[in-house]
PDB file of N, CA and C in Angstrom:
ATOM      1  N   MET A   1      12.020   7.919  -8.718  1.00  0.00           N
ATOM      2  CA  MET A   1      10.919   7.721  -8.173  1.00  0.00           C
ATOM      3  C   MET A   1      10.013   7.115  -8.768  1.00  0.00           C
ATOM      4  N   LYS A   2       8.898   5.796  -8.418  1.00  0.00           N
ATOM      5  CA  LYS A   2       7.931   5.733  -9.146  1.00  0.00           C
ATOM      6  C   LYS A   2       6.388   5.953  -8.272  1.00  0.00           C
ATOM      7  N   LYS A   3       5.584   6.233  -9.139  1.00  0.00           N
ATOM      8  CA  LYS A   3       4.271   6.275  -8.105  1.00  0.00           C
ATOM      9  C   LYS A   3       3.301   5.153  -8.957  1.00  0.00           C
ATOM     10  N   ILE A   4       2.530   4.209  -7.296  1.00  0.00           N
ATOM     11  CA  ILE A   4       1.573   3.395  -8.365  1.00  0.00           C
ATOM     12  C   ILE A   4       0.099   3.367  -7.470  1.00  0.00           C
ATOM     13  N   LYS A   5      -0.712   3.289  -8.046  1.00  0.00           N
ATOM     14  CA  LYS A   5      -1.909   3.182  -7.474  1.00  0.00           C
ATOM     15  C   LYS A   5      -2.310   1.320  -7.173  1.00  0.00           C
ATOM     16  N   LEU A   6      -2.518   0.957  -5.585  1.00  0.00           N
ATOM     17  CA  LEU A   6      -3.033   0.042  -5.146  1.00  0.00           C
ATOM     18  C   LEU A   6      -4.368  -0.169  -5.160  1.00  0.00           C
ATOM     19  N   TYR A   7      -5.113  -0.714  -5.551  1.00  0.00           N
ATOM     20  CA  TYR A   7      -6.693  -1.070  -5.134  1.00  0.00           C
ATOM     21  C   TYR A   7      -6.802  -2.367  -4.268  1.00  0.00           C
ATOM     22  N   LEU A   8      -6.959  -2.244  -2.864  1.00  0.00           N
ATOM     23  CA  LEU A   8      -7.270  -3.007  -2.259  1.00  0.00           C
ATOM     24  C   LEU A   8      -8.372  -3.265  -2.061  1.00  0.00           C
ATOM     25  N   GLU A   9      -8.298  -4.672  -1.353  1.00  0.00           N
ATOM     26  CA  GLU A   9      -9.980  -5.459  -1.187  1.00  0.00           C
ATOM     27  C   GLU A   9     -10.786  -4.277  -0.329  1.00  0.00           C
ATOM     28  N   GLU A  10     -11.803  -4.615  -0.481  1.00  0.00           N
ATOM     29  CA  GLU A  10     -12.990  -3.627   0.289  1.00  0.00           C
ATOM     30  C   GLU A  10     -12.285  -3.268   1.873  1.00  0.00           C
ATOM     31  N   LEU A  11     -11.618  -2.536   2.337  1.00  0.00           N
ATOM     32  CA  LEU A  11     -11.517  -1.893   3.852  1.00  0.00           C
ATOM     33  C   LEU A  11     -12.885  -2.038   4.892  1.00  0.00           C
ATOM     34  N   SER A  12     -12.456  -2.543   5.882  1.00  0.00           N
ATOM     35  CA  SER A  12     -13.803  -2.748   6.848  1.00  0.00           C
ATOM     36  C   SER A  12     -13.503  -1.269   7.618  1.00  0.00           C
ATOM     37  N   CYS A  13     -12.615  -0.771   7.996  1.00  0.00           N
ATOM     38  CA  CYS A  13     -12.848   0.414   8.713  1.00  0.00           C
ATOM     39  C   CYS A  13     -11.355   1.134   8.569  1.00  0.00           C
ATOM     40  N   PRO A  14     -11.304   2.786   9.006  1.00  0.00           N
ATOM     41  CA  PRO A  14     -10.279   3.951   8.731  1.00  0.00           C
ATOM     42  C   PRO A  14      -9.372   3.075   9.478  1.00  0.00           C
ATOM     43  N   ASP A  15      -9.089   2.251  11.050  1.00  0.00           N
ATOM     44  CA  ASP A  15      -8.408   1.988  11.574  1.00  0.00           C
ATOM     45  C   ASP A  15      -7.567   1.126  10.873  1.00  0.00           C
ATOM     46  N   CYS A  16      -8.406  -0.119   9.665  1.00  0.00           N
ATOM     47  CA  CYS A  16      -7.515  -0.618   8.795  1.00  0.00           C
ATOM     48  C   CYS A  16      -6.527  -0.237   8.049  1.00  0.00           C
ATOM     49  N   ALA A  17      -7.391   0.978   7.331  1.00  0.00           N
ATOM     50  CA  ALA A  17      -6.668   1.766   6.099  1.00  0.00           C
ATOM     51  C   ALA A  17      -5.232   2.325   7.150  1.00  0.00           C
ATOM     52  N   ASN A  18      -5.647   2.926   8.134  1.00  0.00           N
ATOM     53  CA  ASN A  18      -4.123   3.507   8.842  1.00  0.00           C
ATOM     54  C   ASN A  18      -3.169   2.725   9.141  1.00  0.00           C
ATOM     55  N   LYS A  19      -3.593   1.271   9.268  1.00  0.00           N
ATOM     56  CA  LYS A  19      -2.530   0.103   9.569  1.00  0.00           C
ATOM     57  C   LYS A  19      -2.071  -0.044   8.159  1.00  0.00           C
ATOM     58  N   ILE A  20      -2.491  -0.315   7.504  1.00  0.00           N
ATOM     59  CA  ILE A  20      -1.961  -0.608   6.555  1.00  0.00           C
ATOM     60  C   ILE A  20      -0.844   0.567   5.677  1.00  0.00           C
ATOM     61  N   GLU A  21      -1.145   1.762   5.685  1.00  0.00           N
ATOM     62  CA  GLU A  21      -0.481   3.137   5.548  1.00  0.00           C
ATOM     63  C   GLU A  21       0.720   3.146   6.410  1.00  0.00           C
ATOM     64  N   GLN A  22       0.502   2.781   7.753  1.00  0.00           N
ATOM     65  CA  GLN A  22       1.952   2.773   8.745  1.00  0.00           C
ATOM     66  C   GLN A  22       3.208   1.452   8.011  1.00  0.00           C
ATOM     67  N   VAL A  23       2.239   0.392   7.881  1.00  0.00           N
ATOM     68  CA  VAL A  23       3.074  -0.996   7.158  1.00  0.00           C
ATOM     69  C   VAL A  23       3.847  -0.357   5.960  1.00  0.00           C
ATOM     70  N   LEU A  24       3.150   0.196   4.885  1.00  0.00           N
ATOM     71  CA  LEU A  24       3.694   0.672   3.664  1.00  0.00           C
ATOM     72  C   LEU A  24       5.216   1.520   3.831  1.00  0.00           C
ATOM     73  N   ASN A  25       4.639   2.672   5.206  1.00  0.00           N
ATOM     74  CA  ASN A  25       5.589   3.729   4.841  1.00  0.00           C
ATOM     75  C   ASN A  25       6.855   3.269   5.779  1.00  0.00           C
ATOM     76  N   LYS A  26       6.744   2.137   6.441  1.00  0.00           N
ATOM     77  CA  LYS A  26       7.811   1.469   7.380  1.00  0.00           C
ATOM     78  C   LYS A  26       8.571   0.818   6.255  1.00  0.00           C
ATOM     79  N   THR A  27       8.284   0.125   5.442  1.00  0.00           N
ATOM     80  CA  THR A  27       8.543  -0.923   4.786  1.00  0.00           C
ATOM     81  C   THR A  27      10.160   0.258   3.411  1.00  0.00           C
ATOM     82  N   GLU A  28      11.163  -0.707   3.423  1.00  0.00           N
ATOM     83  CA  GLU A  28      12.249   0.272   2.817  1.00  0.00           C
ATOM     84  C   GLU A  28      11.775   0.390   1.561  1.00  0.00           C
ATOM     85  N   GLY A  29      12.495   1.318   0.771  1.00  0.00           N
ATOM     86  CA  GLY A  29      12.233   1.942  -0.677  1.00  0.00           C
ATOM     87  C   GLY A  29      10.791   2.386  -0.553  1.00  0.00           C
ATOM     88  N   VAL A  30      10.051   2.649   0.093  1.00  0.00           N
ATOM     89  CA  VAL A  30       8.595   3.446  -0.007  1.00  0.00           C
ATOM     90  C   VAL A  30       9.218   4.952   0.752  1.00  0.00           C
ATOM     91  N   LYS A  31       9.023   6.185  -0.147  1.00  0.00           N
ATOM     92  CA  LYS A  31       9.005   7.031   0.280  1.00  0.00           C
ATOM     93  C   LYS A  31       7.738   7.967   0.739  1.00  0.00           C
ATOM     94  N   LYS A  32       6.549   7.580   0.342  1.00  0.00           N
ATOM     95  CA  LYS A  32       5.464   8.033   0.754  1.00  0.00           C
ATOM     96  C   LYS A  32       4.180   7.265   0.331  1.00  0.00           C
ATOM     97  N   ALA A  33       2.972   6.624   1.578  1.00  0.00           N
ATOM     98  CA  ALA A  33       1.952   6.284   0.931  1.00  0.00           C
ATOM     99  C   ALA A  33       0.883   6.688   1.638  1.00  0.00           C
ATOM    100  N   ASP A  34      -0.149   6.742   0.955  1.00  0.00           N
ATOM    101  CA  ASP A  34      -1.603   7.749   1.630  1.00  0.00           C
ATOM    102  C   ASP A  34      -2.827   6.316   1.323  1.00  0.00           C
ATOM    103  N   VAL A  35      -2.939   5.990   2.119  1.00  0.00           N
ATOM    104  CA  VAL A  35      -4.330   4.947   1.781  1.00  0.00           C
ATOM    105  C   VAL A  35      -5.578   5.925   2.490  1.00  0.00           C
ATOM    106  N   HIS A  36      -6.610   5.773   1.303  1.00  0.00           N
ATOM    107  CA  HIS A  36      -7.487   5.726   1.610  1.00  0.00           C
ATOM    108  C   HIS A  36      -9.165   5.241   1.827  1.00  0.00           C
ATOM    109  N   TYR A  37      -9.562   5.617   2.753  1.00  0.00           N
ATOM    110  CA  TYR A  37     -10.496   4.457   3.318  1.00  0.00           C
ATOM    111  C   TYR A  37     -11.762   3.977   2.547  1.00  0.00           C
ATOM    112  N   THR A  38     -12.401   5.441   2.298  1.00  0.00           N
ATOM    113  CA  THR A  38     -13.323   5.520   1.483  1.00  0.00           C
ATOM    114  C   THR A  38     -13.359   4.831  -0.296  1.00  0.00           C
ATOM    115  N   THR A  39     -12.056   4.713  -0.646  1.00  0.00           N
ATOM    116  CA  THR A  39     -11.509   4.462  -1.909  1.00  0.00           C
ATOM    117  C   THR A  39     -11.263   2.769  -1.923  1.00  0.00           C
ATOM    118  N   SER A  40     -10.765   2.709  -0.727  1.00  0.00           N
ATOM    119  CA  SER A  40     -10.040   1.186  -0.655  1.00  0.00           C
ATOM    120  C   SER A  40      -8.841   1.402  -1.439  1.00  0.00           C
ATOM    121  N   LYS A  41      -8.219   2.716  -1.782  1.00  0.00           N
ATOM    122  CA  LYS A  41      -6.835   2.546  -2.630  1.00  0.00           C
ATOM    123  C   LYS A  41      -5.675   3.189  -1.931  1.00  0.00           C
ATOM    124  N   ALA A  42      -4.613   2.887  -2.521  1.00  0.00           N
ATOM    125  CA  ALA A  42      -3.289   3.966  -1.790  1.00  0.00           C
ATOM    126  C   ALA A  42      -2.669   4.206  -2.858  1.00  0.00           C
ATOM    127  N   ASN A  43      -1.822   5.000  -2.770  1.00  0.00           N
ATOM    128  CA  ASN A  43      -1.188   5.830  -3.291  1.00  0.00           C
ATOM    129  C   ASN A  43       0.261   5.659  -2.944  1.00  0.00           C
ATOM    130  N   VAL A  44       1.458   5.183  -3.599  1.00  0.00           N
ATOM    131  CA  VAL A  44       2.495   4.954  -2.904  1.00  0.00           C
ATOM    132  C   VAL A  44       3.417   5.291  -3.883  1.00  0.00           C
ATOM    133  N   GLU A  45       4.763   6.314  -3.576  1.00  0.00           N
ATOM    134  CA  GLU A  45       5.621   6.271  -3.993  1.00  0.00           C
ATOM    135  C   GLU A  45       6.689   5.631  -3.066  1.00  0.00           C
ATOM    136  N   TYR A  46       7.876   5.348  -4.182  1.00  0.00           N
ATOM    137  CA  TYR A  46       8.784   4.068  -4.274  1.00  0.00           C
ATOM    138  C   TYR A  46       9.577   4.144  -4.898  1.00  0.00           C
ATOM    139  N   ASP A  47      10.922   3.592  -4.607  1.00  0.00           N
ATOM    140  CA  ASP A  47      12.269   3.519  -5.494  1.00  0.00           C
ATOM    141  C   ASP A  47      12.194   2.383  -6.032  1.00  0.00           C
ATOM    142  N   SER A  48      11.794   2.017  -7.305  1.00  0.00           N
ATOM    143  CA  SER A  48      11.969   0.806  -7.989  1.00  0.00           C
ATOM    144  C   SER A  48      13.475  -0.036  -7.624  1.00  0.00           C
ATOM    145  N   GLU A  49      14.663   0.807  -7.382  1.00  0.00           N
ATOM    146  CA  GLU A  49      15.545   0.313  -7.516  1.00  0.00           C
ATOM    147  C   GLU A  49      15.708  -0.521  -5.999  1.00  0.00           C
ATOM    148  N   LYS A  50      15.144  -0.305  -4.665  1.00  0.00           N
ATOM    149  CA  LYS A  50      14.697  -0.950  -3.368  1.00  0.00           C
ATOM    150  C   LYS A  50      14.016  -1.877  -3.081  1.00  0.00           C
ATOM    151  N   ILE A  51      12.996  -1.320  -4.064  1.00  0.00           N
ATOM    152  CA  ILE A  51      11.492  -2.665  -3.599  1.00  0.00           C
ATOM    153  C   ILE A  51      10.502  -2.994  -5.053  1.00  0.00           C
ATOM    154  N   GLU A  52       9.921  -3.724  -4.975  1.00  0.00           N
ATOM    155  CA  GLU A  52       9.437  -4.296  -6.729  1.00  0.00           C
ATOM    156  C   GLU A  52       8.043  -4.135  -6.001  1.00  0.00           C
ATOM    157  N   VAL A  53       7.088  -4.079  -6.847  1.00  0.00           N
ATOM    158  CA  VAL A  53       5.634  -4.197  -6.581  1.00  0.00           C
ATOM    159  C   VAL A  53       5.182  -4.905  -6.059  1.00  0.00           C
ATOM    160  N   ALA A  54       5.381  -6.452  -6.141  1.00  0.00           N
ATOM    161  CA  ALA A  54       5.402  -7.835  -5.167  1.00  0.00           C
ATOM    162  C   ALA A  54       5.651  -7.465  -4.069  1.00  0.00           C
ATOM    163  N   ASP A  55       6.751  -7.073  -3.683  1.00  0.00           N
ATOM    164  CA  ASP A  55       6.948  -6.318  -2.449  1.00  0.00           C
ATOM    165  C   ASP A  55       6.188  -5.659  -1.751  1.00  0.00           C
ATOM    166  N   LEU A  56       5.490  -4.613  -1.897  1.00  0.00           N
ATOM    167  CA  LEU A  56       4.617  -3.790  -1.894  1.00  0.00           C
ATOM    168  C   LEU A  56       3.164  -4.649  -1.339  1.00  0.00           C
ATOM    169  N   LYS A  57       3.212  -5.785  -2.227  1.00  0.00           N
ATOM    170  CA  LYS A  57       1.840  -6.500  -2.237  1.00  0.00           C
ATOM    171  C   LYS A  57       1.931  -7.146  -0.692  1.00  0.00           C
ATOM    172  N   LYS A  58       3.033  -7.443  -0.741  1.00  0.00           N
ATOM    173  CA  LYS A  58       3.429  -8.561   0.527  1.00  0.00           C
ATOM    174  C   LYS A  58       3.122  -7.745   1.812  1.00  0.00           C
ATOM    175  N   ALA A  59       3.882  -6.651   1.717  1.00  0.00           N
ATOM    176  CA  ALA A  59       3.439  -5.649   2.865  1.00  0.00           C
ATOM    177  C   ALA A  59       1.792  -5.544   3.346  1.00  0.00           C
ATOM    178  N   VAL A  60       1.672  -5.480   2.548  1.00  0.00           N
ATOM    179  CA  VAL A  60      -0.030  -5.152   2.820  1.00  0.00           C
ATOM    180  C   VAL A  60      -0.532  -6.524   3.059  1.00  0.00           C
ATOM    181  N   ALA A  61      -0.341  -7.597   2.498  1.00  0.00           N
ATOM    182  CA  ALA A  61      -0.614  -8.733   3.236  1.00  0.00           C
ATOM    183  C   ALA A  61      -0.192  -8.972   4.774  1.00  0.00           C
ATOM    184  N   LYS A  62       0.596  -8.339   5.368  1.00  0.00           N
ATOM    185  CA  LYS A  62       1.019  -8.715   6.574  1.00  0.00           C
ATOM    186  C   LYS A  62      -0.320  -7.986   7.252  1.00  0.00           C
ATOM    187  N   THR A  63      -0.887  -7.041   6.670  1.00  0.00           N
ATOM    188  CA  THR A  63      -2.006  -6.374   7.394  1.00  0.00           C
ATOM    189  C   THR A  63      -3.057  -7.127   7.041  1.00  0.00           C
ATOM    190  N   GLY A  64      -3.210  -8.458   6.505  1.00  0.00           N
ATOM    191  CA  GLY A  64      -4.333  -9.237   6.575  1.00  0.00           C
ATOM    192  C   GLY A  64      -5.052  -8.774   5.495  1.00  0.00           C
ATOM    193  N   TYR A  65      -4.878  -7.950   4.561  1.00  0.00           N
ATOM    194  CA  TYR A  65      -5.653  -7.367   3.416  1.00  0.00           C
ATOM    195  C   TYR A  65      -4.864  -7.793   2.244  1.00  0.00           C
ATOM    196  N   LYS A  66      -5.651  -7.669   0.904  1.00  0.00           N
ATOM    197  CA  LYS A  66      -4.623  -7.978  -0.150  1.00  0.00           C
ATOM    198  C   LYS A  66      -4.825  -7.219  -1.622  1.00  0.00           C
ATOM    199  N   VAL A  67      -3.731  -6.993  -2.141  1.00  0.00           N
ATOM    200  CA  VAL A  67      -4.290  -5.853  -3.356  1.00  0.00           C
ATOM    201  C   VAL A  67      -4.499  -6.733  -4.775  1.00  0.00           C
ATOM    202  N   GLU A  68      -5.723  -5.859  -5.184  1.00  0.00           N
ATOM    203  CA  GLU A  68      -6.541  -6.620  -5.824  1.00  0.00           C
ATOM    204  C   GLU A  68      -5.890  -6.234  -7.476  1.00  0.00           C
ATOM    205  N   ARG A  69      -5.302  -5.250  -7.698  1.00  0.00           N
ATOM    206  CA  ARG A  69      -4.467  -4.708  -8.948  1.00  0.00           C
ATOM    207  C   ARG A  69      -4.456  -3.358  -8.423  1.00  0.00           C
ATOM    208  N   THR A  70      -3.295  -3.199  -9.769  1.00  0.00           N
ATOM    209  CA  THR A  70      -2.528  -1.717  -9.845  1.00  0.00           C
ATOM    210  C   THR A  70      -2.640  -1.270 -10.747  1.00  0.00           C
ATOM    211  N   LYS A  71      -2.380  -0.069 -10.837  1.00  0.00           N
ATOM    212  CA  LYS A  71      -2.300   0.981 -11.737  1.00  0.00           C
ATOM    213  C   LYS A  71      -0.973   2.068 -11.523  1.00  0.00           C
TER     214      LYS A  71
END
């Protein structure tokens, strides 16, 4: 398992953070995702053999937001 921080474009509301978190947690290969509204960051634990960072970014994009950078 790998861990990554996704820095999201500024979230406009807590519900948006919850939506992104739900989408990430339902994405195959993601073990756990926590999205923090106040910092606009997502901490994601994932299986790099099942999913790539580009796929995580695509999952976030489905919610109407984008990942500005990763760490």
